[in-house]
Amino acid sequence: MVERTPLIETKVGTTKVWLKCESLQTGRAFKLRGATNRLLQLSDEEKQRGVVAFSSGNHAQGVAIAAKRLGVPAVIVMPADAPKVKVDATRSHEAEIIFYDRLTESREEIAEKLAQERGAVVVPSFDDVAIVAGQGTVGLEILDQMPEPPRLIIVPCGGGGLASGIALACPDADIAIVEPEGWDDMKRSLEGGEIVPVAPNAPPTLCDALQTPRVSPITFEILRDRNAAAFSVTDEEVKEAVRFAWREHQMVVEPGGAAALAALLAGKVQPVDGTVAVVSGGNIDPDLHARIVDGV
């Protein structure tokens, strides 16, 4: 049900770096991995009652795909400003969509209410051990595909499910997480030793996939215990990474999916031999991608 995605070679400056291309996963993002693993844990009765998820798009689509394949009804709570390409893709997999205002409403509260009303199971995007374990299969594939043991794995971070899963799967590699500026709550949490939510009135960012207002104890504690390094990138740095992926590899990458590559290209993370940057998603509006690639 889940594709084994390519690991390709590129160069940042004079250093060879590997790109793990989750943008080529079914649904064009890594999220299908965790969603599939979580839904496979449902009992027959739970499958009949269905699932509820909340997401700006990639987790929404991952749950919708997994649910359709397993014959499970799915309701997805999405922000009203979610990219149209992600809304359309989620709807194409027959999921019911309910929109909310991310500035004034709580997606968690809406999802919980729906779950209670329908007897459904909430499938969070990262705050779940089965989700983390599913995302960790990215790390298992990296170990299998690399010609040498990975020394540094750089991962885009929203809630931290992908990064924490990879951290568990690759215990001998250093882990670095990358978030958008202003949405770098995992970075500030790791620096402060306790979970710190995103500040009120956080700035807009192109990285919609990484706009998580608060990380979970599960992901925070895993990354804290692994001494993960943390960095943040600007929209301009992310745009350059989107352009690089297209120019060098003809690969369509969404802004949030390009965050790890952006940190490398901007010199915020110094590559070493055995460095892997995870390209976590490729769901981007074609017009926006064209504008970024054209330098607009």
Protein backbone atom coordinates (compact mmCIF):
# COMPACT_ATOMS: atom_id res chain seq x y z
CA MET A 1 0.00 0.00 0.00
CA VAL A 2 2.96 2.32 0.60
CA GLU A 3 5.59 3.02 -2.06
CA ARG A 4 9.32 2.66 -1.49
CA THR A 5 10.44 6.15 -2.54
CA PRO A 6 13.72 6.96 -4.32
CA LEU A 7 16.89 8.13 -2.61
CA ILE A 8 18.76 10.31 -5.09
CA GLU A 9 22.17 11.94 -5.07
CA THR A 10 22.72 15.67 -5.37
CA LYS A 11 25.40 18.20 -4.43
CA VAL A 12 25.27 21.14 -2.05
CA GLY A 13 28.37 23.12 -2.81
CA THR A 14 31.03 20.46 -3.17
CA THR A 15 29.45 17.96 -0.77
CA LYS A 16 27.42 14.96 -1.90
CA VAL A 17 24.01 14.88 -0.26
CA TRP A 18 21.17 12.38 -0.55
CA LEU A 19 17.54 13.40 -1.05
CA LYS A 20 14.83 11.04 0.23
CA CYS A 21 11.98 11.81 -2.16
CA GLU A 22 8.75 11.43 -0.20
CA SER A 23 7.25 13.90 -2.68
CA LEU A 24 7.01 10.83 -4.95
CA GLN A 25 5.00 8.80 -2.42
CA THR A 26 1.36 7.96 -3.19
CA GLY A 27 -0.51 11.14 -2.30
CA ARG A 28 2.74 13.07 -2.95
CA ALA A 29 3.75 13.13 0.73
CA PHE A 30 5.00 10.80 3.47
CA LYS A 31 1.71 10.97 5.38
CA LEU A 32 0.27 7.79 3.83
CA ARG A 33 2.79 5.78 5.86
CA GLY A 34 1.53 6.78 9.29
CA ALA A 35 -2.11 6.89 8.23
CA THR A 36 -1.96 3.37 6.84
CA ASN A 37 -0.29 1.99 9.94
CA ARG A 38 -2.84 3.65 12.23
CA LEU A 39 -5.88 2.50 10.27
CA LEU A 40 -4.57 -1.05 10.14
CA GLN A 41 -4.80 -1.07 13.96
CA LEU A 42 -8.58 -0.43 13.91
CA SER A 43 -10.97 -3.18 14.94
CA ASP A 44 -13.66 -4.27 12.50
CA GLU A 45 -16.23 -2.32 14.51
CA GLU A 46 -14.07 0.83 14.48
CA LYS A 47 -13.61 0.51 10.72
CA GLN A 48 -17.37 0.50 10.27
CA ARG A 49 -17.82 3.65 12.40
CA GLY A 50 -15.08 5.49 10.54
CA VAL A 51 -12.30 7.94 11.33
CA VAL A 52 -11.89 11.69 11.77
CA ALA A 53 -8.66 13.54 11.01
CA PHE A 54 -7.59 17.18 10.97
CA SER A 55 -5.00 18.55 8.57
CA SER A 56 -4.11 21.35 6.17
CA GLY A 57 -3.76 18.78 3.44
CA ASN A 58 -1.08 16.10 3.38
CA HIS A 59 -2.27 14.13 6.41
CA ALA A 60 -5.81 14.68 5.16
CA GLN A 61 -4.94 13.07 1.87
CA GLY A 62 -2.98 10.25 3.51
CA VAL A 63 -5.91 9.34 5.74
CA ALA A 64 -8.36 9.65 2.83
CA ILE A 65 -6.30 7.30 0.65
CA ALA A 66 -5.76 4.74 3.42
CA ALA A 67 -9.44 4.90 4.42
CA LYS A 68 -10.66 4.39 0.87
CA ARG A 69 -8.34 1.42 0.38
CA LEU A 70 -9.51 -0.18 3.63
CA GLY A 71 -13.20 0.66 3.14
CA VAL A 72 -13.33 3.02 6.13
CA PRO A 73 -15.52 6.18 6.12
CA ALA A 74 -13.37 9.28 6.65
CA VAL A 75 -14.17 12.84 7.72
CA ILE A 76 -11.38 15.42 7.40
CA VAL A 77 -11.35 18.77 9.22
CA MET A 78 -9.38 21.21 7.03
CA PRO A 79 -8.61 24.93 7.39
CA ALA A 80 -10.62 27.14 5.08
CA ASP A 81 -7.38 28.53 3.65
CA ALA A 82 -5.90 25.11 2.79
CA PRO A 83 -4.38 25.01 -0.71
CA LYS A 84 -6.99 24.12 -3.31
CA VAL A 85 -4.77 21.38 -4.73
CA LYS A 86 -4.79 19.62 -1.35
CA VAL A 87 -8.53 20.07 -0.83
CA ASP A 88 -9.31 18.71 -4.30
CA ALA A 89 -6.95 15.76 -3.83
CA THR A 90 -8.50 14.86 -0.48
CA ARG A 91 -12.01 15.09 -1.89
CA SER A 92 -11.02 12.91 -4.86
CA HIS A 93 -10.51 10.02 -2.44
CA GLU A 94 -14.12 10.26 -1.29
CA ALA A 95 -13.47 11.77 2.13
CA GLU A 96 -16.00 14.18 3.64
CA ILE A 97 -14.42 17.59 4.29
CA ILE A 98 -15.43 20.06 7.01
CA PHE A 99 -13.72 23.45 6.94
CA TYR A 100 -12.74 25.62 9.91
CA ASP A 101 -11.04 28.98 10.54
CA ARG A 102 -7.53 28.24 11.80
CA LEU A 103 -7.33 31.68 13.47
CA THR A 104 -10.52 31.45 15.53
CA GLU A 105 -11.44 27.77 15.85
CA SER A 106 -9.76 24.68 17.28
CA ARG A 107 -9.40 21.83 14.84
CA GLU A 108 -8.87 19.40 17.71
CA GLU A 109 -12.15 20.42 19.37
CA ILE A 110 -14.06 20.15 16.09
CA ALA A 111 -12.60 16.71 15.38
CA GLU A 112 -13.34 15.46 18.89
CA LYS A 113 -16.95 16.64 18.68
CA LEU A 114 -17.41 14.93 15.32
CA ALA A 115 -15.89 11.74 16.66
CA GLN A 116 -18.25 11.72 19.64
CA GLU A 117 -21.27 12.40 17.46
CA ARG A 118 -20.41 9.66 14.96
CA GLY A 119 -18.66 7.16 17.18
CA ALA A 120 -15.58 7.56 15.00
CA VAL A 121 -11.88 7.28 15.89
CA VAL A 122 -9.72 10.41 15.77
CA VAL A 123 -6.55 9.89 13.74
CA PRO A 124 -4.12 12.69 14.70
CA SER A 125 -1.38 13.75 12.32
CA PHE A 126 1.52 13.11 14.73
CA ASP A 127 0.35 12.64 18.34
CA ASP A 128 0.01 8.86 18.09
CA VAL A 129 2.56 6.06 18.48
CA ALA A 130 1.22 4.16 15.44
CA ILE A 131 1.53 7.30 13.30
CA VAL A 132 5.12 7.87 14.46
CA ALA A 133 5.99 4.23 13.80
CA GLY A 134 4.52 4.42 10.30
CA GLN A 135 6.49 7.55 9.46
CA GLY A 136 9.60 5.81 10.76
CA THR A 137 9.55 3.52 7.74
CA VAL A 138 11.15 6.44 5.88
CA GLY A 139 14.18 5.90 8.11
CA LEU A 140 14.18 2.15 7.57
CA GLU A 141 14.25 2.71 3.81
CA ILE A 142 17.11 5.21 4.15
CA LEU A 143 19.15 2.60 6.05
CA ASP A 144 18.47 0.06 3.34
CA GLN A 145 19.11 2.40 0.39
CA MET A 146 22.21 4.25 1.55
CA PRO A 147 25.55 2.90 0.30
CA GLU A 148 26.99 3.97 3.67
CA PRO A 149 25.45 4.49 7.12
CA PRO A 150 23.66 7.87 7.31
CA ARG A 151 25.43 10.29 9.63
CA LEU A 152 23.01 13.23 9.49
CA ILE A 153 19.33 13.20 8.54
CA ILE A 154 17.60 16.56 8.09
CA VAL A 155 13.81 16.55 8.29
CA PRO A 156 11.06 19.16 7.76
CA CYS A 157 9.09 19.49 10.99
CA GLY A 158 5.50 20.43 11.72
CA GLY A 159 4.36 18.29 14.63
CA GLY A 160 7.48 16.15 14.50
CA GLY A 161 5.95 12.78 13.62
CA LEU A 162 8.25 12.20 10.65
CA ALA A 163 11.37 13.40 12.44
CA SER A 164 10.70 11.38 15.59
CA GLY A 165 9.88 8.25 13.59
CA ILE A 166 13.14 8.57 11.66
CA ALA A 167 15.02 9.27 14.90
CA LEU A 168 13.79 5.96 16.32
CA ALA A 169 14.51 4.04 13.11
CA CYS A 170 18.03 5.49 12.70
CA PRO A 171 19.50 5.63 16.21
CA ASP A 172 23.08 6.08 15.02
CA ALA A 173 22.40 9.13 12.84
CA ASP A 174 22.31 12.73 14.01
CA ILE A 175 18.87 14.30 13.52
CA ALA A 176 18.19 17.91 12.53
CA ILE A 177 14.68 19.32 12.24
CA VAL A 178 13.73 22.39 10.18
CA GLU A 179 10.66 24.61 10.62
CA PRO A 180 9.41 27.87 9.08
CA GLU A 181 10.37 31.07 10.89
CA GLY A 182 7.65 32.06 13.34
CA TRP A 183 6.35 28.48 13.43
CA ASP A 184 9.49 27.05 15.03
CA ASP A 185 7.83 25.78 18.19
CA MET A 186 9.72 22.49 18.21
CA LYS A 187 12.99 24.42 18.01
CA ARG A 188 12.02 26.64 20.93
CA SER A 189 10.66 23.67 22.86
CA LEU A 190 13.90 21.73 22.47
CA GLU A 191 15.93 24.77 23.45
CA GLY A 192 13.78 25.44 26.53
CA GLY A 193 13.37 21.85 27.65
CA GLU A 194 9.55 21.95 27.63
CA ILE A 195 6.79 22.26 25.04
CA VAL A 196 6.27 25.84 23.88
CA PRO A 197 3.35 26.57 21.53
CA VAL A 198 3.53 28.82 18.50
CA ALA A 199 3.17 32.46 19.54
CA PRO A 200 -0.14 34.26 18.90
CA ASN A 201 -0.33 36.07 15.57
CA ALA A 202 2.40 33.92 14.01
CA PRO A 203 3.48 35.29 10.62
CA PRO A 204 2.15 33.89 7.35
CA THR A 205 4.30 31.23 5.72
CA LEU A 206 4.36 29.38 2.42
CA CYS A 207 4.96 26.19 4.42
CA ASP A 208 1.31 25.39 5.12
CA ALA A 209 2.18 21.74 5.77
CA LEU A 210 4.34 22.80 8.74
CA GLN A 211 1.90 25.14 10.47
CA THR A 212 1.42 23.12 13.65
CA PRO A 213 0.45 25.31 16.62
CA ARG A 214 1.78 22.91 19.27
CA VAL A 215 3.88 19.75 19.20
CA SER A 216 3.03 16.65 21.24
CA PRO A 217 4.75 15.06 24.24
CA ILE A 218 5.41 11.95 22.12
CA THR A 219 7.35 13.71 19.39
CA PHE A 220 8.98 16.28 21.67
CA GLU A 221 10.33 13.67 24.06
CA ILE A 222 11.71 11.47 21.29
CA LEU A 223 13.54 14.37 19.65
CA ARG A 224 14.71 15.75 22.99
CA ASP A 225 16.10 12.37 24.02
CA ARG A 226 17.89 12.07 20.66
CA ASN A 227 19.45 15.54 21.12
CA ALA A 228 18.01 16.68 17.80
CA ALA A 229 19.35 19.95 16.44
CA ALA A 230 16.73 22.48 15.29
CA PHE A 231 16.73 25.23 12.67
CA SER A 232 14.29 27.60 11.01
CA VAL A 233 14.10 28.89 7.44
CA THR A 234 12.51 31.88 5.72
CA ASP A 235 10.08 31.80 2.83
CA GLU A 236 12.81 33.10 0.51
CA GLU A 237 15.13 30.26 1.53
CA VAL A 238 12.34 27.78 0.95
CA LYS A 239 11.64 29.24 -2.50
CA GLU A 240 15.28 28.74 -3.45
CA ALA A 241 15.03 25.09 -2.40
CA VAL A 242 11.88 24.62 -4.52
CA ARG A 243 13.76 26.13 -7.47
CA PHE A 244 16.82 23.94 -6.82
CA ALA A 245 14.74 20.75 -6.76
CA TRP A 246 13.14 21.67 -10.08
CA ARG A 247 16.29 22.96 -11.75
CA GLU A 248 18.58 20.12 -10.71
CA HIS A 249 16.17 17.16 -10.62
CA GLN A 250 12.92 18.25 -12.33
CA MET A 251 11.24 17.44 -9.01
CA VAL A 252 8.10 19.29 -7.91
CA VAL A 253 8.37 20.05 -4.19
CA GLU A 254 5.99 22.03 -2.00
CA PRO A 255 7.45 24.74 0.27
CA GLY A 256 7.07 22.78 3.51
CA GLY A 257 8.53 19.70 1.86
CA ALA A 258 11.59 21.71 0.85
CA ALA A 259 12.45 23.00 4.34
CA ALA A 260 15.28 20.55 5.02
CA LEU A 261 16.85 21.21 1.64
CA ALA A 262 16.42 24.96 2.25
CA ALA A 263 18.42 24.78 5.47
CA LEU A 264 21.26 23.07 3.61
CA LEU A 265 21.28 25.48 0.68
CA ALA A 266 21.17 28.49 3.03
CA GLY A 267 24.18 27.20 4.96
CA LYS A 268 22.24 26.86 8.20
CA VAL A 269 23.00 23.14 8.36
CA GLN A 270 26.48 22.08 7.31
CA PRO A 271 26.48 18.84 5.32
CA VAL A 272 28.86 15.99 6.12
CA ASP A 273 29.52 12.73 4.33
CA GLY A 274 26.38 10.62 4.73
CA THR A 275 23.91 13.53 4.89
CA VAL A 276 20.27 12.90 3.92
CA ALA A 277 17.68 15.65 3.44
CA VAL A 278 14.09 14.41 3.46
CA VAL A 279 11.91 16.01 0.78
CA SER A 280 8.64 15.40 2.55
CA GLY A 281 5.95 16.55 0.12
CA GLY A 282 5.11 17.73 -3.38
CA ASN A 283 1.53 19.02 -3.14
CA ILE A 284 1.76 22.55 -4.47
CA ASP A 285 -0.58 24.63 -6.58
CA PRO A 286 0.83 24.55 -10.15
CA ASP A 287 0.54 28.33 -10.52
CA LEU A 288 2.42 28.93 -7.26
CA HIS A 289 5.13 26.48 -8.32
CA ALA A 290 5.49 28.23 -11.67
CA ARG A 291 5.79 31.64 -9.97
CA ILE A 292 8.43 30.37 -7.55
CA VAL A 293 10.44 28.68 -10.29
CA ASP A 294 10.24 31.83 -12.41
CA GLY A 295 11.52 33.88 -9.46
CA VAL A 296 8.29 35.85 -8.99
